[in-house]
Structure formats: C-alpha cells, structure tokens
Amino acid sequence: MISTATTWAAVGAIGMALGTIPPLWGLRNDPARRTHYLALAGVTGVATVAYALMAFDVGTITASGRVVSIPRYVDWLITTPLILLFLAMLGRTGRGSVLRLVVADVVLLLLGGIAVVLTGPIRWAVFAGGVVCFGVLVYDLYVRIPRLATFSNERTRILFVTLRNLTIALWTLYPVVWVLAPSGLGLLTRDMAMLVIAYLDLISKAAFVALAVDGMDAIADADRAETGAVRVDDGDSTPTAD
C-alpha cells in the first residue's frame, strides 16, 4: 500500500536534513571554500524546510481542480539555481554564464507552475515553453559552459562532468513526472507523484551534495598548487646584482 503524500514528504525532509550535514561539516573545517559549502548547504537546507512544510500540508492550495504545493515550487526556485551556481563555480565561468543559466531555469519553473493552474490547450503550450527553456539549459551545461570553463585541474573537470551529467539526467525526468502526475494527465495519484518526486529530489539534491563534498578536496588541491606557484614566482622575481 502506498503511503500518503505527507508521509513521503516527511521522508524527504529527513533525507534532506541528513544531506545537509556534510556541507555544514565542510564549512566548519574548510573555511577557505566557504562559498562552495554555503551553496551546497543551501540546496539541502532549503529542501529540508520545504519538505517539512509539505509533511504538515502547509502551503497547499487548489487551483483548477488540482492540488498545488507552493513550498515545492519555492524550493525549486531557490535550490536549482544554487546547483547551477555550484557547477559554474567549478568551471570558473563568471557571472554572465551563471545569470544565463539561472534565467533559463527560473523561467522554465515559472512556466511549469503557471501551466498547473491553467486549463485547455494553453496549458500544454505554456508547458512546452518550459521544455524549450530546459533545452537551453541543457545546451549551456553540455556545450557552452565547458567551452568557457577554466578548470583548476583534471579532477575538478571530472567532478563537474559527473555532477552535470547526474543533474541533467535527473532533471529530464521531472517533466515526465509532471505529465503523468495530476498536474498533467493524472495517470499518477498525488501520493504516487510525491513518492516519485521525493525520490528524484533526494538523488538530485542530497546525492549531488554528497558527491560534491566528497570531491571538494580536488578544489583544495588546485588552490594549494596555485598558491605554491605564486610563491615560487615571487621567489624567482628577486633582483640579482650584475
């Protein structure tokens, strides 16, 4: 028997809370990479709050006969840009590339949320617009960002590729769930949709954060190497007598 949506939300809250421990531990022990750890802690931390609210059925509204969870969309609007920010930081691609990624991400989420409350053919047209934005996002992560990236070392590049592939593979499944869930064709019940989305969220967020924290030593090694190179250059620049 499938548990209720609130039960799966509670499971999601617990999983996200546990997933917040590694970046907080890293933040405490590796302050030099504070921004990286804050972004990662924000991903699972915000998701923990959102799932806790959903577990108590807080922020749930009914629109066009469909149940819509506001905390879920607020969660995605905050956490997915943080994931993209972390990927951009790995590649040191600059603010411009981050802004383009975040804009495409936010627009696709807004269109998906708007499509839920609409009826008729316009609903599917708006949803299709969100899919187009997702295509832009995928193109940037697979083509544009790697071209702009200046990875500090090979291990950082491998970490980026691993996290990027995980993110795109899982994010591709969310539109499929949207179509099958009550937001779309209604082939999945609300309880089943919550189970599937909680599972996807735990992998795309908690597992993402765990892998990222595990690979942070690659960034630390690169920073130490760069610091050492600077010191060598400073030593070599000492004037010599003729």
C-alpha atoms as a PDB file:
ATOM      1  CA  MET A   1       0.000   0.000   0.000  1.00  0.00           C
ATOM      2  CA  ILE A   2       1.364   3.411  -0.972  1.00  0.00           C
ATOM      3  CA  SER A   3       1.743   5.837   1.914  1.00  0.00           C
ATOM      4  CA  THR A   4       0.225   9.294   1.814  1.00  0.00           C
ATOM      5  CA  ALA A   5       1.863  12.326   0.256  1.00  0.00           C
ATOM      6  CA  THR A   6       2.592  13.814   3.684  1.00  0.00           C
ATOM      7  CA  THR A   7       4.383  10.630   4.750  1.00  0.00           C
ATOM      8  CA  TRP A   8       6.672  10.737   1.719  1.00  0.00           C
ATOM      9  CA  ALA A   9       7.239  14.432   2.361  1.00  0.00           C
ATOM     10  CA  ALA A  10       8.361  13.586   5.895  1.00  0.00           C
ATOM     11  CA  VAL A  11      10.781  11.008   4.498  1.00  0.00           C
ATOM     12  CA  GLY A  12      12.085  13.653   2.124  1.00  0.00           C
ATOM     13  CA  ALA A  13      12.577  16.129   4.981  1.00  0.00           C
ATOM     14  CA  ILE A  14      14.610  13.603   6.967  1.00  0.00           C
ATOM     15  CA  GLY A  15      16.741  12.691   3.955  1.00  0.00           C
ATOM     16  CA  MET A  16      17.419  16.324   3.104  1.00  0.00           C
ATOM     17  CA  ALA A  17      18.302  17.134   6.717  1.00  0.00           C
ATOM     18  CA  LEU A  18      20.834  14.304   6.766  1.00  0.00           C
ATOM     19  CA  GLY A  19      22.176  15.544   3.432  1.00  0.00           C
ATOM     20  CA  THR A  20      22.848  18.970   4.962  1.00  0.00           C
ATOM     21  CA  ILE A  21      25.321  17.575   7.500  1.00  0.00           C
ATOM     22  CA  PRO A  22      28.288  17.028   5.095  1.00  0.00           C
ATOM     23  CA  PRO A  23      28.419  20.607   3.714  1.00  0.00           C
ATOM     24  CA  LEU A  24      27.977  22.084   7.208  1.00  0.00           C
ATOM     25  CA  TRP A  25      30.849  19.902   8.403  1.00  0.00           C
ATOM     26  CA  GLY A  26      32.936  21.043   5.451  1.00  0.00           C
ATOM     27  CA  LEU A  27      32.030  24.672   6.153  1.00  0.00           C
ATOM     28  CA  ARG A  28      33.327  24.279   9.693  1.00  0.00           C
ATOM     29  CA  ASN A  29      36.564  22.538   8.726  1.00  0.00           C
ATOM     30  CA  ASP A  30      37.371  24.167   5.378  1.00  0.00           C
ATOM     31  CA  PRO A  31      36.530  27.902   5.602  1.00  0.00           C
ATOM     32  CA  ALA A  32      38.715  28.684   2.570  1.00  0.00           C
ATOM     33  CA  ARG A  33      35.974  27.239   0.354  1.00  0.00           C
ATOM     34  CA  ARG A  34      33.130  28.800   2.315  1.00  0.00           C
ATOM     35  CA  THR A  35      31.121  29.887  -0.744  1.00  0.00           C
ATOM     36  CA  HIS A  36      31.096  26.371  -2.197  1.00  0.00           C
ATOM     37  CA  TYR A  37      29.891  24.818   1.051  1.00  0.00           C
ATOM     38  CA  LEU A  38      27.264  27.506   1.625  1.00  0.00           C
ATOM     39  CA  ALA A  39      25.787  26.850  -1.829  1.00  0.00           C
ATOM     40  CA  LEU A  40      25.674  23.111  -1.147  1.00  0.00           C
ATOM     41  CA  ALA A  41      24.210  23.538   2.343  1.00  0.00           C
ATOM     42  CA  GLY A  42      21.593  25.847   0.863  1.00  0.00           C
ATOM     43  CA  VAL A  43      20.462  23.153  -1.578  1.00  0.00           C
ATOM     44  CA  THR A  44      19.572  20.545   1.033  1.00  0.00           C
ATOM     45  CA  GLY A  45      18.805  23.066   3.784  1.00  0.00           C
ATOM     46  CA  VAL A  46      16.075  24.824   1.820  1.00  0.00           C
ATOM     47  CA  ALA A  47      14.738  21.471   0.629  1.00  0.00           C
ATOM     48  CA  THR A  48      14.539  20.295   4.249  1.00  0.00           C
ATOM     49  CA  VAL A  49      12.321  23.243   5.167  1.00  0.00           C
ATOM     50  CA  ALA A  50      10.145  22.788   2.076  1.00  0.00           C
ATOM     51  CA  TYR A  51       9.601  19.089   2.720  1.00  0.00           C
ATOM     52  CA  ALA A  52       8.877  19.733   6.394  1.00  0.00           C
ATOM     53  CA  LEU A  53       6.156  22.188   5.364  1.00  0.00           C
ATOM     54  CA  MET A  54       4.740  19.684   2.876  1.00  0.00           C
ATOM     55  CA  ALA A  55       4.783  16.988   5.570  1.00  0.00           C
ATOM     56  CA  PHE A  56       2.391  19.153   7.591  1.00  0.00           C
ATOM     57  CA  ASP A  57       0.424  20.048   4.451  1.00  0.00           C
ATOM     58  CA  VAL A  58       1.354  23.712   4.797  1.00  0.00           C
ATOM     59  CA  GLY A  59       1.177  25.883   1.698  1.00  0.00           C
ATOM     60  CA  THR A  60      -1.068  23.575  -0.298  1.00  0.00           C
ATOM     61  CA  ILE A  61      -3.681  25.242  -2.495  1.00  0.00           C
ATOM     62  CA  THR A  62      -6.237  24.034  -5.033  1.00  0.00           C
ATOM     63  CA  ALA A  63      -6.290  25.626  -8.485  1.00  0.00           C
ATOM     64  CA  SER A  64      -8.310  24.451 -11.495  1.00  0.00           C
ATOM     65  CA  GLY A  65      -9.207  21.322  -9.526  1.00  0.00           C
ATOM     66  CA  ARG A  66      -5.544  20.429  -8.940  1.00  0.00           C
ATOM     67  CA  VAL A  67      -3.648  20.406  -5.660  1.00  0.00           C
ATOM     68  CA  VAL A  68      -0.554  22.634  -5.889  1.00  0.00           C
ATOM     69  CA  SER A  69       2.209  22.675  -3.277  1.00  0.00           C
ATOM     70  CA  ILE A  70       3.673  26.169  -3.026  1.00  0.00           C
ATOM     71  CA  PRO A  71       6.681  25.070  -0.875  1.00  0.00           C
ATOM     72  CA  ARG A  72       7.755  22.667  -3.631  1.00  0.00           C
ATOM     73  CA  TYR A  73       7.962  25.403  -6.254  1.00  0.00           C
ATOM     74  CA  VAL A  74       9.651  27.835  -3.854  1.00  0.00           C
ATOM     75  CA  ASP A  75      12.147  25.063  -3.059  1.00  0.00           C
ATOM     76  CA  TRP A  76      12.942  24.530  -6.739  1.00  0.00           C
ATOM     77  CA  LEU A  77      13.203  28.275  -7.401  1.00  0.00           C
ATOM     78  CA  ILE A  78      15.922  28.534  -4.755  1.00  0.00           C
ATOM     79  CA  THR A  79      17.738  25.200  -4.849  1.00  0.00           C
ATOM     80  CA  THR A  80      18.089  24.637  -8.581  1.00  0.00           C
ATOM     81  CA  PRO A  81      19.881  27.984  -9.119  1.00  0.00           C
ATOM     82  CA  LEU A  82      22.214  27.038  -6.245  1.00  0.00           C
ATOM     83  CA  ILE A  83      23.035  23.772  -8.016  1.00  0.00           C
ATOM     84  CA  LEU A  84      23.761  25.675 -11.220  1.00  0.00           C
ATOM     85  CA  LEU A  85      25.843  28.190  -9.276  1.00  0.00           C
ATOM     86  CA  PHE A  86      27.989  25.424  -7.825  1.00  0.00           C
ATOM     87  CA  LEU A  87      28.547  23.911 -11.275  1.00  0.00           C
ATOM     88  CA  ALA A  88      29.552  27.314 -12.622  1.00  0.00           C
ATOM     89  CA  MET A  89      31.934  27.830  -9.704  1.00  0.00           C
ATOM     90  CA  LEU A  90      33.641  24.544 -10.529  1.00  0.00           C
ATOM     91  CA  GLY A  91      34.299  25.791 -14.048  1.00  0.00           C
ATOM     92  CA  ARG A  92      35.045  29.394 -13.022  1.00  0.00           C
ATOM     93  CA  THR A  93      32.846  30.597 -15.868  1.00  0.00           C
ATOM     94  CA  GLY A  94      31.962  34.030 -14.489  1.00  0.00           C
ATOM     95  CA  ARG A  95      28.743  35.799 -13.564  1.00  0.00           C
ATOM     96  CA  GLY A  96      27.417  36.135 -17.102  1.00  0.00           C
ATOM     97  CA  SER A  97      27.183  32.393 -17.652  1.00  0.00           C
ATOM     98  CA  VAL A  98      25.574  31.899 -14.237  1.00  0.00           C
ATOM     99  CA  LEU A  99      22.955  34.548 -14.979  1.00  0.00           C
ATOM    100  CA  ARG A 100      22.014  32.907 -18.287  1.00  0.00           C
ATOM    101  CA  LEU A 101      21.654  29.503 -16.601  1.00  0.00           C
ATOM    102  CA  VAL A 102      19.589  30.877 -13.730  1.00  0.00           C
ATOM    103  CA  VAL A 103      17.270  32.867 -16.013  1.00  0.00           C
ATOM    104  CA  ALA A 104      16.519  29.800 -18.149  1.00  0.00           C
ATOM    105  CA  ASP A 105      15.995  27.736 -15.002  1.00  0.00           C
ATOM    106  CA  VAL A 106      13.655  30.224 -13.305  1.00  0.00           C
ATOM    107  CA  VAL A 107      11.609  30.791 -16.454  1.00  0.00           C
ATOM    108  CA  LEU A 108      11.075  27.059 -17.011  1.00  0.00           C
ATOM    109  CA  LEU A 109       9.977  26.613 -13.381  1.00  0.00           C
ATOM    110  CA  LEU A 110       7.595  29.554 -13.559  1.00  0.00           C
ATOM    111  CA  LEU A 111       6.088  28.253 -16.792  1.00  0.00           C
ATOM    112  CA  GLY A 112       5.672  24.812 -15.232  1.00  0.00           C
ATOM    113  CA  GLY A 113       3.950  26.333 -12.218  1.00  0.00           C
ATOM    114  CA  ILE A 114       1.686  28.505 -14.363  1.00  0.00           C
ATOM    115  CA  ALA A 115       0.740  25.542 -16.554  1.00  0.00           C
ATOM    116  CA  VAL A 116      -0.562  23.687 -13.482  1.00  0.00           C
ATOM    117  CA  VAL A 117      -3.257  26.286 -12.818  1.00  0.00           C
ATOM    118  CA  LEU A 118      -4.341  26.685 -16.445  1.00  0.00           C
ATOM    119  CA  THR A 119      -6.845  24.630 -18.397  1.00  0.00           C
ATOM    120  CA  GLY A 120      -7.263  23.710 -22.053  1.00  0.00           C
ATOM    121  CA  PRO A 121      -4.680  23.742 -24.840  1.00  0.00           C
ATOM    122  CA  ILE A 122      -2.956  26.862 -23.476  1.00  0.00           C
ATOM    123  CA  ARG A 123      -1.774  24.783 -20.522  1.00  0.00           C
ATOM    124  CA  TRP A 124       0.207  22.467 -22.789  1.00  0.00           C
ATOM    125  CA  ALA A 125       1.541  25.416 -24.810  1.00  0.00           C
ATOM    126  CA  VAL A 126       2.918  27.001 -21.625  1.00  0.00           C
ATOM    127  CA  PHE A 127       4.376  23.666 -20.566  1.00  0.00           C
ATOM    128  CA  ALA A 128       6.050  23.345 -23.987  1.00  0.00           C
ATOM    129  CA  GLY A 129       7.612  26.769 -23.430  1.00  0.00           C
ATOM    130  CA  GLY A 130       9.129  25.447 -20.224  1.00  0.00           C
ATOM    131  CA  VAL A 131      10.529  22.456 -22.113  1.00  0.00           C
ATOM    132  CA  VAL A 132      12.193  24.840 -24.583  1.00  0.00           C
ATOM    133  CA  CYS A 133      13.845  26.669 -21.658  1.00  0.00           C
ATOM    134  CA  PHE A 134      15.041  23.324 -20.360  1.00  0.00           C
ATOM    135  CA  GLY A 135      16.591  22.661 -23.770  1.00  0.00           C
ATOM    136  CA  VAL A 136      18.520  25.945 -23.474  1.00  0.00           C
ATOM    137  CA  LEU A 137      19.698  24.880 -20.034  1.00  0.00           C
ATOM    138  CA  VAL A 138      20.895  21.509 -21.284  1.00  0.00           C
ATOM    139  CA  TYR A 139      22.724  23.117 -24.220  1.00  0.00           C
ATOM    140  CA  ASP A 140      24.524  25.542 -21.929  1.00  0.00           C
ATOM    141  CA  LEU A 141      25.593  22.838 -19.482  1.00  0.00           C
ATOM    142  CA  TYR A 142      26.791  20.440 -22.174  1.00  0.00           C
ATOM    143  CA  VAL A 143      28.239  22.851 -24.729  1.00  0.00           C
ATOM    144  CA  ARG A 144      28.568  26.474 -23.660  1.00  0.00           C
ATOM    145  CA  ILE A 145      29.787  26.114 -20.069  1.00  0.00           C
ATOM    146  CA  PRO A 146      32.535  23.565 -20.873  1.00  0.00           C
ATOM    147  CA  ARG A 147      33.839  25.929 -23.587  1.00  0.00           C
ATOM    148  CA  LEU A 148      34.017  28.839 -21.144  1.00  0.00           C
ATOM    149  CA  ALA A 149      35.342  26.807 -18.229  1.00  0.00           C
ATOM    150  CA  THR A 150      38.872  27.052 -16.913  1.00  0.00           C
ATOM    151  CA  PHE A 151      39.048  24.048 -14.636  1.00  0.00           C
ATOM    152  CA  SER A 152      41.731  24.289 -11.979  1.00  0.00           C
ATOM    153  CA  ASN A 153      42.800  20.669 -12.560  1.00  0.00           C
ATOM    154  CA  GLU A 154      41.633  17.434 -14.169  1.00  0.00           C
ATOM    155  CA  ARG A 155      39.926  16.178 -11.014  1.00  0.00           C
ATOM    156  CA  THR A 156      37.791  19.323 -10.890  1.00  0.00           C
ATOM    157  CA  ARG A 157      36.771  18.800 -14.515  1.00  0.00           C
ATOM    158  CA  ILE A 158      35.797  15.193 -13.779  1.00  0.00           C
ATOM    159  CA  LEU A 159      33.768  16.342 -10.754  1.00  0.00           C
ATOM    160  CA  PHE A 160      31.973  18.895 -12.929  1.00  0.00           C
ATOM    161  CA  VAL A 161      31.170  16.333 -15.622  1.00  0.00           C
ATOM    162  CA  THR A 162      29.901  13.816 -13.055  1.00  0.00           C
ATOM    163  CA  LEU A 163      27.642  16.323 -11.295  1.00  0.00           C
ATOM    164  CA  ARG A 164      26.451  17.866 -14.547  1.00  0.00           C
ATOM    165  CA  ASN A 165      25.503  14.502 -16.048  1.00  0.00           C
ATOM    166  CA  LEU A 166      23.719  13.482 -12.843  1.00  0.00           C
ATOM    167  CA  THR A 167      21.805  16.758 -12.803  1.00  0.00           C
ATOM    168  CA  ILE A 168      20.695  16.692 -16.432  1.00  0.00           C
ATOM    169  CA  ALA A 169      19.741  13.005 -16.341  1.00  0.00           C
ATOM    170  CA  LEU A 170      17.527  13.502 -13.299  1.00  0.00           C
ATOM    171  CA  TRP A 171      16.107  16.883 -14.295  1.00  0.00           C
ATOM    172  CA  THR A 172      14.990  15.330 -17.586  1.00  0.00           C
ATOM    173  CA  LEU A 173      12.657  13.069 -15.597  1.00  0.00           C
ATOM    174  CA  TYR A 174      10.786  15.915 -13.866  1.00  0.00           C
ATOM    175  CA  PRO A 175       8.817  16.990 -16.979  1.00  0.00           C
ATOM    176  CA  VAL A 176       7.857  13.335 -17.483  1.00  0.00           C
ATOM    177  CA  VAL A 177       6.518  13.171 -13.927  1.00  0.00           C
ATOM    178  CA  TRP A 178       4.696  16.488 -14.485  1.00  0.00           C
ATOM    179  CA  VAL A 179       2.908  14.997 -17.487  1.00  0.00           C
ATOM    180  CA  LEU A 180       1.972  11.784 -15.659  1.00  0.00           C
ATOM    181  CA  ALA A 181       1.028  13.456 -12.350  1.00  0.00           C
ATOM    182  CA  PRO A 182      -2.257  15.244 -11.558  1.00  0.00           C
ATOM    183  CA  SER A 183      -0.600  18.399 -12.924  1.00  0.00           C
ATOM    184  CA  GLY A 184      -0.778  16.798 -16.391  1.00  0.00           C
ATOM    185  CA  LEU A 185      -2.681  13.707 -17.492  1.00  0.00           C
ATOM    186  CA  GLY A 186      -3.415  12.472 -13.990  1.00  0.00           C
ATOM    187  CA  LEU A 187      -2.105   8.952 -14.542  1.00  0.00           C
ATOM    188  CA  LEU A 188      -0.339   9.124 -11.171  1.00  0.00           C
ATOM    189  CA  THR A 189      -2.112   9.874  -7.919  1.00  0.00           C
ATOM    190  CA  ARG A 190      -0.923  12.721  -5.723  1.00  0.00           C
ATOM    191  CA  ASP A 191       0.581  10.224  -3.274  1.00  0.00           C
ATOM    192  CA  MET A 192       2.468   8.374  -6.002  1.00  0.00           C
ATOM    193  CA  ALA A 193       3.657  11.658  -7.545  1.00  0.00           C
ATOM    194  CA  MET A 194       5.035  12.763  -4.175  1.00  0.00           C
ATOM    195  CA  LEU A 195       6.879   9.455  -3.816  1.00  0.00           C
ATOM    196  CA  VAL A 196       8.494   9.779  -7.238  1.00  0.00           C
ATOM    197  CA  ILE A 197       9.392  13.467  -6.855  1.00  0.00           C
ATOM    198  CA  ALA A 198      10.792  12.939  -3.335  1.00  0.00           C
ATOM    199  CA  TYR A 199      12.965  10.132  -4.694  1.00  0.00           C
ATOM    200  CA  LEU A 200      14.203  12.290  -7.574  1.00  0.00           C
ATOM    201  CA  ASP A 201      14.819  15.228  -5.243  1.00  0.00           C
ATOM    202  CA  LEU A 202      16.852  13.141  -2.815  1.00  0.00           C
ATOM    203  CA  ILE A 203      19.146  11.972  -5.600  1.00  0.00           C
ATOM    204  CA  SER A 204      19.363  15.277  -7.475  1.00  0.00           C
ATOM    205  CA  LYS A 205      19.987  17.254  -4.267  1.00  0.00           C
ATOM    206  CA  ALA A 206      21.198  15.149  -1.339  1.00  0.00           C
ATOM    207  CA  ALA A 207      23.257  12.777  -3.507  1.00  0.00           C
ATOM    208  CA  PHE A 208      24.535  15.722  -5.564  1.00  0.00           C
ATOM    209  CA  VAL A 209      25.673  17.487  -2.386  1.00  0.00           C
ATOM    210  CA  ALA A 210      27.320  14.334  -1.017  1.00  0.00           C
ATOM    211  CA  LEU A 211      29.283  13.802  -4.248  1.00  0.00           C
ATOM    212  CA  ALA A 212      30.241  17.459  -4.380  1.00  0.00           C
ATOM    213  CA  VAL A 213      31.513  17.497  -0.787  1.00  0.00           C
ATOM    214  CA  ASP A 214      33.453  14.299  -1.426  1.00  0.00           C
ATOM    215  CA  GLY A 215      35.135  15.940  -4.414  1.00  0.00           C
ATOM    216  CA  MET A 216      35.967  19.246  -2.712  1.00  0.00           C
ATOM    217  CA  ASP A 217      39.499  18.071  -1.999  1.00  0.00           C
ATOM    218  CA  ALA A 218      40.148  18.410  -5.748  1.00  0.00           C
ATOM    219  CA  ILE A 219      39.475  22.144  -5.472  1.00  0.00           C
ATOM    220  CA  ALA A 220      41.587  22.331  -2.325  1.00  0.00           C
ATOM    221  CA  ASP A 221      44.499  20.621  -4.103  1.00  0.00           C
ATOM    222  CA  ALA A 222      44.229  23.063  -7.008  1.00  0.00           C
ATOM    223  CA  ASP A 223      44.191  26.055  -4.651  1.00  0.00           C
ATOM    224  CA  ARG A 224      47.270  24.771  -2.846  1.00  0.00           C
ATOM    225  CA  ALA A 225      49.042  24.209  -6.156  1.00  0.00           C
ATOM    226  CA  GLU A 226      48.231  27.737  -7.325  1.00  0.00           C
ATOM    227  CA  THR A 227      49.385  29.206  -4.026  1.00  0.00           C
ATOM    228  CA  GLY A 228      52.645  27.293  -4.313  1.00  0.00           C
ATOM    229  CA  ALA A 229      53.153  28.512  -7.878  1.00  0.00           C
ATOM    230  CA  VAL A 230      52.654  32.117  -6.795  1.00  0.00           C
ATOM    231  CA  ARG A 231      55.199  31.722  -4.024  1.00  0.00           C
ATOM    232  CA  VAL A 232      57.747  30.236  -6.463  1.00  0.00           C
ATOM    233  CA  ASP A 233      57.183  33.113  -8.877  1.00  0.00           C
ATOM    234  CA  ASP A 234      57.641  35.618  -6.049  1.00  0.00           C
ATOM    235  CA  GLY A 235      60.896  33.943  -5.106  1.00  0.00           C
ATOM    236  CA  ASP A 236      62.169  33.944  -8.680  1.00  0.00           C
ATOM    237  CA  SER A 237      61.394  37.619  -9.105  1.00  0.00           C
ATOM    238  CA  THR A 238      64.068  38.711  -6.585  1.00  0.00           C
ATOM    239  CA  PRO A 239      66.511  41.100  -8.329  1.00  0.00           C
ATOM    240  CA  THR A 240      70.088  39.931  -8.754  1.00  0.00           C
ATOM    241  CA  ALA A 241      73.229  42.046  -8.807  1.00  0.00           C
ATOM    242  CA  ASP A 242      75.046  42.484 -12.128  1.00  0.00           C
END
